[in-house]
């Protein structure tokens, strides 16, 4: 776990919001935008961009940054990319902060 990369990837209010929204997608995204595969796949970039009220390229860049830090897991299906939280890494980060920092 590269703690500095993780912290850098979260140093933006929108990225923190994305992480919060993805914790419970059904509470933050309209049900008609979510598929039955949402728990396994995650949420589509365009749906996240709409919720953030930002352009798809900007949100896509944010998601790639978070994915590079391994906070998010990206899954490609056809032309769409879906993102979900990496819960194991987030648990490890919380323990690291508690035990070390």
PDB file of N, CA and C in Angstrom:
ATOM      1  N   UNK A   1       0.852  -1.172   0.000  1.00  0.00           N
ATOM      2  CA  UNK A   1       0.000   0.000   0.000  1.00  0.00           C
ATOM      3  C   UNK A   1       0.897   1.235   0.000  1.00  0.00           C
ATOM      4  N   UNK A   2       0.708   2.084  -0.977  1.00  0.00           N
ATOM      5  CA  UNK A   2       1.446   3.343  -1.087  1.00  0.00           C
ATOM      6  C   UNK A   2       0.603   4.453  -0.479  1.00  0.00           C
ATOM      7  N   UNK A   3       0.793   4.681   0.797  1.00  0.00           N
ATOM      8  CA  UNK A   3      -0.069   5.611   1.535  1.00  0.00           C
ATOM      9  C   UNK A   3      -0.044   7.011   0.962  1.00  0.00           C
ATOM     10  N   UNK A   4       1.113   7.479   0.512  1.00  0.00           N
ATOM     11  CA  UNK A   4       1.196   8.828  -0.038  1.00  0.00           C
ATOM     12  C   UNK A   4       0.370   8.944  -1.320  1.00  0.00           C
ATOM     13  N   UNK A   5       0.421   7.939  -2.182  1.00  0.00           N
ATOM     14  CA  UNK A   5      -0.387   7.948  -3.406  1.00  0.00           C
ATOM     15  C   UNK A   5      -1.881   7.951  -3.079  1.00  0.00           C
ATOM     16  N   UNK A   6      -2.259   7.193  -2.074  1.00  0.00           N
ATOM     17  CA  UNK A   6      -3.666   7.138  -1.674  1.00  0.00           C
ATOM     18  C   UNK A   6      -4.126   8.498  -1.169  1.00  0.00           C
ATOM     19  N   UNK A   7      -3.340   9.088  -0.286  1.00  0.00           N
ATOM     20  CA  UNK A   7      -3.706  10.391   0.278  1.00  0.00           C
ATOM     21  C   UNK A   7      -3.763  11.452  -0.816  1.00  0.00           C
ATOM     22  N   UNK A   8      -2.812  11.447  -1.728  1.00  0.00           N
ATOM     23  CA  UNK A   8      -2.826  12.412  -2.846  1.00  0.00           C
ATOM     24  C   UNK A   8      -4.080  12.230  -3.691  1.00  0.00           C
ATOM     25  N   UNK A   9      -4.474  10.982  -3.922  1.00  0.00           N
ATOM     26  CA  UNK A   9      -5.638  10.732  -4.777  1.00  0.00           C
ATOM     27  C   UNK A   9      -6.937  11.200  -4.133  1.00  0.00           C
ATOM     28  N   UNK A  10      -6.915  11.431  -2.827  1.00  0.00           N
ATOM     29  CA  UNK A  10      -8.109  11.881  -2.121  1.00  0.00           C
ATOM     30  C   UNK A  10      -8.061  13.366  -1.775  1.00  0.00           C
ATOM     31  N   UNK A  11      -7.068  14.059  -2.274  1.00  0.00           N
ATOM     32  CA  UNK A  11      -6.880  15.467  -1.905  1.00  0.00           C
ATOM     33  C   UNK A  11      -7.719  16.409  -2.775  1.00  0.00           C
ATOM     34  N   UNK A  12      -8.967  16.051  -2.937  1.00  0.00           N
ATOM     35  CA  UNK A  12      -9.883  16.826  -3.755  1.00  0.00           C
ATOM     36  C   UNK A  12     -11.296  16.532  -3.252  1.00  0.00           C
ATOM     37  N   UNK A  13     -12.094  17.555  -3.041  1.00  0.00           N
ATOM     38  CA  UNK A  13     -13.427  17.361  -2.477  1.00  0.00           C
ATOM     39  C   UNK A  13     -14.301  16.456  -3.344  1.00  0.00           C
ATOM     40  N   UNK A  14     -14.218  16.612  -4.658  1.00  0.00           N
ATOM     41  CA  UNK A  14     -15.041  15.772  -5.543  1.00  0.00           C
ATOM     42  C   UNK A  14     -14.620  14.314  -5.436  1.00  0.00           C
ATOM     43  N   UNK A  15     -13.331  14.051  -5.365  1.00  0.00           N
ATOM     44  CA  UNK A  15     -12.869  12.661  -5.233  1.00  0.00           C
ATOM     45  C   UNK A  15     -13.350  12.056  -3.920  1.00  0.00           C
ATOM     46  N   UNK A  16     -13.314  12.837  -2.851  1.00  0.00           N
ATOM     47  CA  UNK A  16     -13.839  12.347  -1.570  1.00  0.00           C
ATOM     48  C   UNK A  16     -15.333  12.070  -1.677  1.00  0.00           C
ATOM     49  N   UNK A  17     -16.062  12.943  -2.358  1.00  0.00           N
ATOM     50  CA  UNK A  17     -17.496  12.712  -2.559  1.00  0.00           C
ATOM     51  C   UNK A  17     -17.741  11.446  -3.358  1.00  0.00           C
ATOM     52  N   UNK A  18     -16.955  11.234  -4.403  1.00  0.00           N
ATOM     53  CA  UNK A  18     -17.105  10.020  -5.222  1.00  0.00           C
ATOM     54  C   UNK A  18     -16.925   8.787  -4.341  1.00  0.00           C
ATOM     55  N   UNK A  19     -15.907   8.799  -3.500  1.00  0.00           N
ATOM     56  CA  UNK A  19     -15.666   7.662  -2.615  1.00  0.00           C
ATOM     57  C   UNK A  19     -16.864   7.439  -1.688  1.00  0.00           C
ATOM     58  N   UNK A  20     -17.428   8.542  -1.187  1.00  0.00           N
ATOM     59  CA  UNK A  20     -18.607   8.460  -0.312  1.00  0.00           C
ATOM     60  C   UNK A  20     -19.817   7.930  -1.098  1.00  0.00           C
ATOM     61  N   UNK A  21     -20.038   8.447  -2.287  1.00  0.00           N
ATOM     62  CA  UNK A  21     -21.186   8.001  -3.093  1.00  0.00           C
ATOM     63  C   UNK A  21     -21.096   6.521  -3.430  1.00  0.00           C
ATOM     64  N   UNK A  22     -19.896   6.055  -3.727  1.00  0.00           N
ATOM     65  CA  UNK A  22     -19.723   4.657  -4.114  1.00  0.00           C
ATOM     66  C   UNK A  22     -19.842   3.705  -2.926  1.00  0.00           C
ATOM     67  N   UNK A  23     -19.797   4.244  -1.715  1.00  0.00           N
ATOM     68  CA  UNK A  23     -19.983   3.387  -0.539  1.00  0.00           C
ATOM     69  C   UNK A  23     -21.382   2.788  -0.556  1.00  0.00           C
ATOM     70  N   UNK A  24     -22.369   3.592  -0.975  1.00  0.00           N
ATOM     71  CA  UNK A  24     -23.748   3.119  -1.070  1.00  0.00           C
ATOM     72  C   UNK A  24     -24.377   3.693  -2.340  1.00  0.00           C
ATOM     73  N   UNK A  25     -24.088   3.085  -3.493  1.00  0.00           N
ATOM     74  CA  UNK A  25     -24.580   3.631  -4.764  1.00  0.00           C
ATOM     75  C   UNK A  25     -26.091   3.783  -4.827  1.00  0.00           C
ATOM     76  N   UNK A  26     -26.821   2.875  -4.198  1.00  0.00           N
ATOM     77  CA  UNK A  26     -28.284   2.934  -4.274  1.00  0.00           C
ATOM     78  C   UNK A  26     -28.847   4.150  -3.535  1.00  0.00           C
ATOM     79  N   UNK A  27     -28.084   4.700  -2.598  1.00  0.00           N
ATOM     80  CA  UNK A  27     -28.534   5.886  -1.879  1.00  0.00           C
ATOM     81  C   UNK A  27     -28.179   7.173  -2.616  1.00  0.00           C
ATOM     82  N   UNK A  28     -27.230   7.095  -3.558  1.00  0.00           N
ATOM     83  CA  UNK A  28     -26.722   8.314  -4.184  1.00  0.00           C
ATOM     84  C   UNK A  28     -26.972   8.435  -5.683  1.00  0.00           C
ATOM     85  N   UNK A  29     -27.393   7.359  -6.315  1.00  0.00           N
ATOM     86  CA  UNK A  29     -27.657   7.392  -7.753  1.00  0.00           C
ATOM     87  C   UNK A  29     -29.075   6.888  -7.995  1.00  0.00           C
ATOM     88  N   UNK A  30     -29.791   7.514  -8.930  1.00  0.00           N
ATOM     89  CA  UNK A  30     -31.158   7.051  -9.228  1.00  0.00           C
ATOM     90  C   UNK A  30     -31.163   5.587  -9.635  1.00  0.00           C
ATOM     91  N   UNK A  31     -32.135   4.853  -9.126  1.00  0.00           N
ATOM     92  CA  UNK A  31     -32.198   3.414  -9.402  1.00  0.00           C
ATOM     93  C   UNK A  31     -32.229   3.091 -10.887  1.00  0.00           C
ATOM     94  N   UNK A  32     -32.867   3.952 -11.685  1.00  0.00           N
ATOM     95  CA  UNK A  32     -32.946   3.664 -13.127  1.00  0.00           C
ATOM     96  C   UNK A  32     -31.578   3.743 -13.799  1.00  0.00           C
ATOM     97  N   UNK A  33     -30.609   4.408 -13.148  1.00  0.00           N
ATOM     98  CA  UNK A  33     -29.262   4.484 -13.715  1.00  0.00           C
ATOM     99  C   UNK A  33     -28.403   3.300 -13.296  1.00  0.00           C
ATOM    100  N   UNK A  34     -28.824   2.564 -12.285  1.00  0.00           N
ATOM    101  CA  UNK A  34     -28.041   1.448 -11.784  1.00  0.00           C
ATOM    102  C   UNK A  34     -28.555   0.153 -12.388  1.00  0.00           C
ATOM    103  N   UNK A  35     -27.634  -0.755 -12.620  1.00  0.00           N
ATOM    104  CA  UNK A  35     -28.023  -2.044 -13.181  1.00  0.00           C
ATOM    105  C   UNK A  35     -28.054  -3.081 -12.065  1.00  0.00           C
ATOM    106  N   UNK A  36     -28.544  -4.252 -12.404  1.00  0.00           N
ATOM    107  CA  UNK A  36     -28.543  -5.341 -11.422  1.00  0.00           C
ATOM    108  C   UNK A  36     -27.123  -5.777 -11.107  1.00  0.00           C
ATOM    109  N   UNK A  37     -26.161  -5.402 -11.959  1.00  0.00           N
ATOM    110  CA  UNK A  37     -24.756  -5.750 -11.746  1.00  0.00           C
ATOM    111  C   UNK A  37     -23.998  -4.702 -10.937  1.00  0.00           C
ATOM    112  N   UNK A  38     -24.673  -3.645 -10.488  1.00  0.00           N
ATOM    113  CA  UNK A  38     -23.996  -2.558  -9.778  1.00  0.00           C
ATOM    114  C   UNK A  38     -23.132  -3.049  -8.614  1.00  0.00           C
ATOM    115  N   UNK A  39     -23.619  -3.942  -7.750  1.00  0.00           N
ATOM    116  CA  UNK A  39     -22.751  -4.371  -6.646  1.00  0.00           C
ATOM    117  C   UNK A  39     -21.445  -5.020  -7.122  1.00  0.00           C
ATOM    118  N   UNK A  40     -21.507  -5.752  -8.225  1.00  0.00           N
ATOM    119  CA  UNK A  40     -20.310  -6.417  -8.732  1.00  0.00           C
ATOM    120  C   UNK A  40     -19.448  -5.491  -9.585  1.00  0.00           C
ATOM    121  N   UNK A  41     -20.088  -4.709 -10.448  1.00  0.00           N
ATOM    122  CA  UNK A  41     -19.356  -3.874 -11.398  1.00  0.00           C
ATOM    123  C   UNK A  41     -19.028  -2.496 -10.854  1.00  0.00           C
ATOM    124  N   UNK A  42     -19.976  -1.873 -10.209  1.00  0.00           N
ATOM    125  CA  UNK A  42     -19.823  -0.499  -9.764  1.00  0.00           C
ATOM    126  C   UNK A  42     -20.742   0.418 -10.537  1.00  0.00           C
ATOM    127  N   UNK A  43     -20.370   1.698 -10.598  1.00  0.00           N
ATOM    128  CA  UNK A  43     -21.193   2.725 -11.226  1.00  0.00           C
ATOM    129  C   UNK A  43     -20.462   3.254 -12.452  1.00  0.00           C
ATOM    130  N   UNK A  44     -21.204   3.499 -13.511  1.00  0.00           N
ATOM    131  CA  UNK A  44     -20.663   3.983 -14.776  1.00  0.00           C
ATOM    132  C   UNK A  44     -20.122   5.413 -14.634  1.00  0.00           C
ATOM    133  N   UNK A  45     -19.064   5.698 -15.361  1.00  0.00           N
ATOM    134  CA  UNK A  45     -18.432   7.021 -15.340  1.00  0.00           C
ATOM    135  C   UNK A  45     -19.435   8.121 -15.620  1.00  0.00           C
ATOM    136  N   UNK A  46     -20.297   7.932 -16.607  1.00  0.00           N
ATOM    137  CA  UNK A  46     -21.243   8.989 -16.974  1.00  0.00           C
ATOM    138  C   UNK A  46     -22.221   9.288 -15.837  1.00  0.00           C
ATOM    139  N   UNK A  47     -22.617   8.275 -15.077  1.00  0.00           N
ATOM    140  CA  UNK A  47     -23.516   8.490 -13.947  1.00  0.00           C
ATOM    141  C   UNK A  47     -22.815   9.244 -12.821  1.00  0.00           C
ATOM    142  N   UNK A  48     -21.559   8.929 -12.607  1.00  0.00           N
ATOM    143  CA  UNK A  48     -20.784   9.638 -11.584  1.00  0.00           C
ATOM    144  C   UNK A  48     -20.582  11.091 -12.001  1.00  0.00           C
ATOM    145  N   UNK A  49     -20.285  11.317 -13.278  1.00  0.00           N
ATOM    146  CA  UNK A  49     -20.094  12.683 -13.781  1.00  0.00           C
ATOM    147  C   UNK A  49     -21.371  13.504 -13.631  1.00  0.00           C
ATOM    148  N   UNK A  50     -22.511  12.891 -13.915  1.00  0.00           N
ATOM    149  CA  UNK A  50     -23.792  13.590 -13.778  1.00  0.00           C
ATOM    150  C   UNK A  50     -24.023  13.982 -12.315  1.00  0.00           C
ATOM    151  N   UNK A  51     -23.762  13.062 -11.397  1.00  0.00           N
ATOM    152  CA  UNK A  51     -23.943  13.328  -9.960  1.00  0.00           C
ATOM    153  C   UNK A  51     -22.985  14.435  -9.499  1.00  0.00           C
ATOM    154  N   UNK A  52     -21.760  14.433 -10.008  1.00  0.00           N
ATOM    155  CA  UNK A  52     -20.759  15.437  -9.618  1.00  0.00           C
ATOM    156  C   UNK A  52     -20.986  16.779 -10.303  1.00  0.00           C
ATOM    157  N   UNK A  53     -21.872  16.778 -11.305  1.00  0.00           N
ATOM    158  CA  UNK A  53     -22.128  17.975 -12.111  1.00  0.00           C
ATOM    159  C   UNK A  53     -20.837  18.490 -12.745  1.00  0.00           C
ATOM    160  N   UNK A  54     -20.097  17.545 -13.310  1.00  0.00           N
ATOM    161  CA  UNK A  54     -18.823  17.849 -13.973  1.00  0.00           C
ATOM    162  C   UNK A  54     -18.782  17.109 -15.302  1.00  0.00           C
ATOM    163  N   UNK A  55     -17.824  17.481 -16.136  1.00  0.00           N
ATOM    164  CA  UNK A  55     -17.692  16.826 -17.434  1.00  0.00           C
ATOM    165  C   UNK A  55     -17.173  15.396 -17.262  1.00  0.00           C
ATOM    166  N   UNK A  56     -17.536  14.558 -18.211  1.00  0.00           N
ATOM    167  CA  UNK A  56     -17.079  13.164 -18.183  1.00  0.00           C
ATOM    168  C   UNK A  56     -15.553  13.087 -18.237  1.00  0.00           C
ATOM    169  N   UNK A  57     -14.860  13.862 -19.098  1.00  0.00           N
ATOM    170  CA  UNK A  57     -13.395  13.766 -19.103  1.00  0.00           C
ATOM    171  C   UNK A  57     -12.752  14.124 -17.756  1.00  0.00           C
ATOM    172  N   UNK A  58     -13.281  15.135 -17.078  1.00  0.00           N
ATOM    173  CA  UNK A  58     -12.722  15.525 -15.779  1.00  0.00           C
ATOM    174  C   UNK A  58     -12.935  14.418 -14.752  1.00  0.00           C
ATOM    175  N   UNK A  59     -14.155  13.905 -14.676  1.00  0.00           N
ATOM    176  CA  UNK A  59     -14.455  12.848 -13.714  1.00  0.00           C
ATOM    177  C   UNK A  59     -13.690  11.578 -14.071  1.00  0.00           C
ATOM    178  N   UNK A  60     -13.567  11.298 -15.339  1.00  0.00           N
ATOM    179  CA  UNK A  60     -12.803  10.134 -15.772  1.00  0.00           C
ATOM    180  C   UNK A  60     -11.347  10.243 -15.309  1.00  0.00           C
ATOM    181  N   UNK A  61     -10.786  11.430 -15.391  1.00  0.00           N
ATOM    182  CA  UNK A  61      -9.414  11.651 -14.916  1.00  0.00           C
ATOM    183  C   UNK A  61      -9.330  11.423 -13.406  1.00  0.00           C
ATOM    184  N   UNK A  62     -10.303  11.930 -12.669  1.00  0.00           N
ATOM    185  CA  UNK A  62     -10.342  11.715 -11.217  1.00  0.00           C
ATOM    186  C   UNK A  62     -10.409  10.221 -10.900  1.00  0.00           C
ATOM    187  N   UNK A  63     -11.276   9.506 -11.610  1.00  0.00           N
ATOM    188  CA  UNK A  63     -11.450   8.076 -11.364  1.00  0.00           C
ATOM    189  C   UNK A  63     -10.185   7.292 -11.704  1.00  0.00           C
ATOM    190  N   UNK A  64      -9.510   7.691 -12.755  1.00  0.00           N
ATOM    191  CA  UNK A  64      -8.250   7.027 -13.119  1.00  0.00           C
ATOM    192  C   UNK A  64      -7.191   7.259 -12.050  1.00  0.00           C
ATOM    193  N   UNK A  65      -7.144   8.472 -11.505  1.00  0.00           N
ATOM    194  CA  UNK A  65      -6.200   8.773 -10.429  1.00  0.00           C
ATOM    195  C   UNK A  65      -6.477   7.893  -9.208  1.00  0.00           C
ATOM    196  N   UNK A  66      -7.736   7.785  -8.849  1.00  0.00           N
ATOM    197  CA  UNK A  66      -8.107   6.970  -7.695  1.00  0.00           C
ATOM    198  C   UNK A  66      -7.883   5.483  -7.968  1.00  0.00           C
ATOM    199  N   UNK A  67      -8.099   5.080  -9.196  1.00  0.00           N
ATOM    200  CA  UNK A  67      -7.870   3.697  -9.577  1.00  0.00           C
ATOM    201  C   UNK A  67      -6.371   3.370  -9.571  1.00  0.00           C
ATOM    202  N   UNK A  68      -5.556   4.312 -10.006  1.00  0.00           N
ATOM    203  CA  UNK A  68      -4.098   4.106  -9.984  1.00  0.00           C
ATOM    204  C   UNK A  68      -3.584   3.937  -8.560  1.00  0.00           C
ATOM    205  N   UNK A  69      -4.232   4.628  -7.620  1.00  0.00           N
ATOM    206  CA  UNK A  69      -3.861   4.504  -6.205  1.00  0.00           C
ATOM    207  C   UNK A  69      -4.504   3.261  -5.582  1.00  0.00           C
ATOM    208  N   UNK A  70      -5.267   2.525  -6.381  1.00  0.00           N
ATOM    209  CA  UNK A  70      -5.942   1.289  -5.990  1.00  0.00           C
ATOM    210  C   UNK A  70      -7.090   1.479  -5.003  1.00  0.00           C
ATOM    211  N   UNK A  71      -7.565   2.722  -4.851  1.00  0.00           N
ATOM    212  CA  UNK A  71      -8.724   2.988  -4.002  1.00  0.00           C
ATOM    213  C   UNK A  71      -9.997   2.507  -4.687  1.00  0.00           C
ATOM    214  N   UNK A  72     -10.015   2.604  -6.012  1.00  0.00           N
ATOM    215  CA  UNK A  72     -11.160   2.155  -6.793  1.00  0.00           C
ATOM    216  C   UNK A  72     -10.747   1.006  -7.694  1.00  0.00           C
ATOM    217  N   UNK A  73     -11.709   0.174  -8.010  1.00  0.00           N
ATOM    218  CA  UNK A  73     -11.516  -0.930  -8.941  1.00  0.00           C
ATOM    219  C   UNK A  73     -12.329  -0.618 -10.187  1.00  0.00           C
ATOM    220  N   UNK A  74     -11.666  -0.619 -11.333  1.00  0.00           N
ATOM    221  CA  UNK A  74     -12.318  -0.337 -12.615  1.00  0.00           C
ATOM    222  C   UNK A  74     -12.616  -1.648 -13.331  1.00  0.00           C
ATOM    223  N   UNK A  75     -13.827  -1.730 -13.898  1.00  0.00           N
ATOM    224  CA  UNK A  75     -14.218  -2.888 -14.697  1.00  0.00           C
ATOM    225  C   UNK A  75     -14.754  -2.379 -16.023  1.00  0.00           C
ATOM    226  N   UNK A  76     -14.189  -2.880 -17.105  1.00  0.00           N
ATOM    227  CA  UNK A  76     -14.604  -2.468 -18.448  1.00  0.00           C
ATOM    228  C   UNK A  76     -15.602  -3.482 -18.986  1.00  0.00           C
ATOM    229  N   UNK A  77     -16.738  -2.983 -19.483  1.00  0.00           N
ATOM    230  CA  UNK A  77     -17.757  -3.809 -20.153  1.00  0.00           C
ATOM    231  C   UNK A  77     -18.118  -3.119 -21.449  1.00  0.00           C
ATOM    232  N   UNK A  78     -17.661  -3.652 -22.555  1.00  0.00           N
ATOM    233  CA  UNK A  78     -17.915  -3.014 -23.843  1.00  0.00           C
ATOM    234  C   UNK A  78     -17.285  -1.634 -23.856  1.00  0.00           C
ATOM    235  N   UNK A  79     -18.078  -0.619 -24.161  1.00  0.00           N
ATOM    236  CA  UNK A  79     -17.549   0.742 -24.234  1.00  0.00           C
ATOM    237  C   UNK A  79     -17.615   1.460 -22.882  1.00  0.00           C
ATOM    238  N   UNK A  80     -18.177   0.812 -21.864  1.00  0.00           N
ATOM    239  CA  UNK A  80     -18.381   1.449 -20.563  1.00  0.00           C
ATOM    240  C   UNK A  80     -17.371   0.980 -19.535  1.00  0.00           C
ATOM    241  N   UNK A  81     -16.981   1.892 -18.657  1.00  0.00           N
ATOM    242  CA  UNK A  81     -16.133   1.544 -17.523  1.00  0.00           C
ATOM    243  C   UNK A  81     -16.903   1.837 -16.249  1.00  0.00           C
ATOM    244  N   UNK A  82     -16.887   0.877 -15.353  1.00  0.00           N
ATOM    245  CA  UNK A  82     -17.598   0.973 -14.083  1.00  0.00           C
ATOM    246  C   UNK A  82     -16.572   1.009 -12.950  1.00  0.00           C
ATOM    247  N   UNK A  83     -16.895   1.758 -11.912  1.00  0.00           N
ATOM    248  CA  UNK A  83     -15.991   1.885 -10.778  1.00  0.00           C
ATOM    249  C   UNK A  83     -16.696   1.523  -9.481  1.00  0.00           C
ATOM    250  N   UNK A  84     -15.960   0.833  -8.618  1.00  0.00           N
ATOM    251  CA  UNK A  84     -16.433   0.543  -7.272  1.00  0.00           C
ATOM    252  C   UNK A  84     -15.259   0.701  -6.316  1.00  0.00           C
ATOM    253  N   UNK A  85     -15.574   0.795  -5.044  1.00  0.00           N
ATOM    254  CA  UNK A  85     -14.556   0.967  -4.014  1.00  0.00           C
ATOM    255  C   UNK A  85     -13.762  -0.327  -3.811  1.00  0.00           C
ATOM    256  N   UNK A  86     -12.503  -0.173  -3.477  1.00  0.00           N
ATOM    257  CA  UNK A  86     -11.668  -1.302  -3.078  1.00  0.00           C
ATOM    258  C   UNK A  86     -11.758  -1.377  -1.555  1.00  0.00           C
ATOM    259  N   UNK A  87     -12.744  -2.082  -1.077  1.00  0.00           N
ATOM    260  CA  UNK A  87     -13.026  -2.118   0.355  1.00  0.00           C
ATOM    261  C   UNK A  87     -11.868  -2.663   1.175  1.00  0.00           C
ATOM    262  N   UNK A  88     -11.159  -3.647   0.651  1.00  0.00           N
ATOM    263  CA  UNK A  88     -10.027  -4.220   1.400  1.00  0.00           C
ATOM    264  C   UNK A  88      -8.933  -3.179   1.594  1.00  0.00           C
ATOM    265  N   UNK A  89      -8.623  -2.439   0.536  1.00  0.00           N
ATOM    266  CA  UNK A  89      -7.591  -1.414   0.659  1.00  0.00           C
ATOM    267  C   UNK A  89      -8.033  -0.323   1.639  1.00  0.00           C
ATOM    268  N   UNK A  90      -9.292   0.060   1.603  1.00  0.00           N
ATOM    269  CA  UNK A  90      -9.790   1.083   2.516  1.00  0.00           C
ATOM    270  C   UNK A  90      -9.720   0.610   3.966  1.00  0.00           C
ATOM    271  N   UNK A  91     -10.003  -0.657   4.210  1.00  0.00           N
ATOM    272  CA  UNK A  91      -9.867  -1.212   5.559  1.00  0.00           C
ATOM    273  C   UNK A  91      -8.403  -1.219   5.996  1.00  0.00           C
ATOM    274  N   UNK A  92      -7.516  -1.610   5.074  1.00  0.00           N
ATOM    275  CA  UNK A  92      -6.085  -1.613   5.380  1.00  0.00           C
ATOM    276  C   UNK A  92      -5.592  -0.198   5.674  1.00  0.00           C
ATOM    277  N   UNK A  93      -6.071   0.772   4.918  1.00  0.00           N
ATOM    278  CA  UNK A  93      -5.695   2.173   5.137  1.00  0.00           C
ATOM    279  C   UNK A  93      -6.155   2.642   6.516  1.00  0.00           C
ATOM    280  N   UNK A  94      -7.385   2.324   6.874  1.00  0.00           N
ATOM    281  CA  UNK A  94      -7.906   2.717   8.184  1.00  0.00           C
ATOM    282  C   UNK A  94      -7.063   2.106   9.308  1.00  0.00           C
ATOM    283  N   UNK A  95      -6.698   0.857   9.172  1.00  0.00           N
ATOM    284  CA  UNK A  95      -5.863   0.197  10.184  1.00  0.00           C
ATOM    285  C   UNK A  95      -4.477   0.835  10.240  1.00  0.00           C
ATOM    286  N   UNK A  96      -3.922   1.153   9.088  1.00  0.00           N
ATOM    287  CA  UNK A  96      -2.602   1.773   9.031  1.00  0.00           C
ATOM    288  C   UNK A  96      -2.634   3.136   9.736  1.00  0.00           C
ATOM    289  N   UNK A  97      -3.651   3.921   9.471  1.00  0.00           N
ATOM    290  CA  UNK A  97      -3.781   5.228  10.114  1.00  0.00           C
ATOM    291  C   UNK A  97      -3.914   5.039  11.626  1.00  0.00           C
ATOM    292  N   UNK A  98      -4.734   4.092  12.027  1.00  0.00           N
ATOM    293  CA  UNK A  98      -4.964   3.844  13.458  1.00  0.00           C
ATOM    294  C   UNK A  98      -3.687   3.378  14.148  1.00  0.00           C
ATOM    295  N   UNK A  99      -2.967   2.442  13.512  1.00  0.00           N
ATOM    296  CA  UNK A  99      -1.817   1.810  14.162  1.00  0.00           C
ATOM    297  C   UNK A  99      -0.500   2.580  14.026  1.00  0.00           C
ATOM    298  N   UNK A 100      -0.352   3.309  12.908  1.00  0.00           N
ATOM    299  CA  UNK A 100       0.948   3.908  12.621  1.00  0.00           C
ATOM    300  C   UNK A 100       0.955   5.414  12.733  1.00  0.00           C
ATOM    301  N   UNK A 101      -0.069   6.064  12.242  1.00  0.00           N
ATOM    302  CA  UNK A 101      -0.039   7.524  12.187  1.00  0.00           C
ATOM    303  C   UNK A 101      -0.571   8.178  13.447  1.00  0.00           C
TER     304      UNK A 101
END
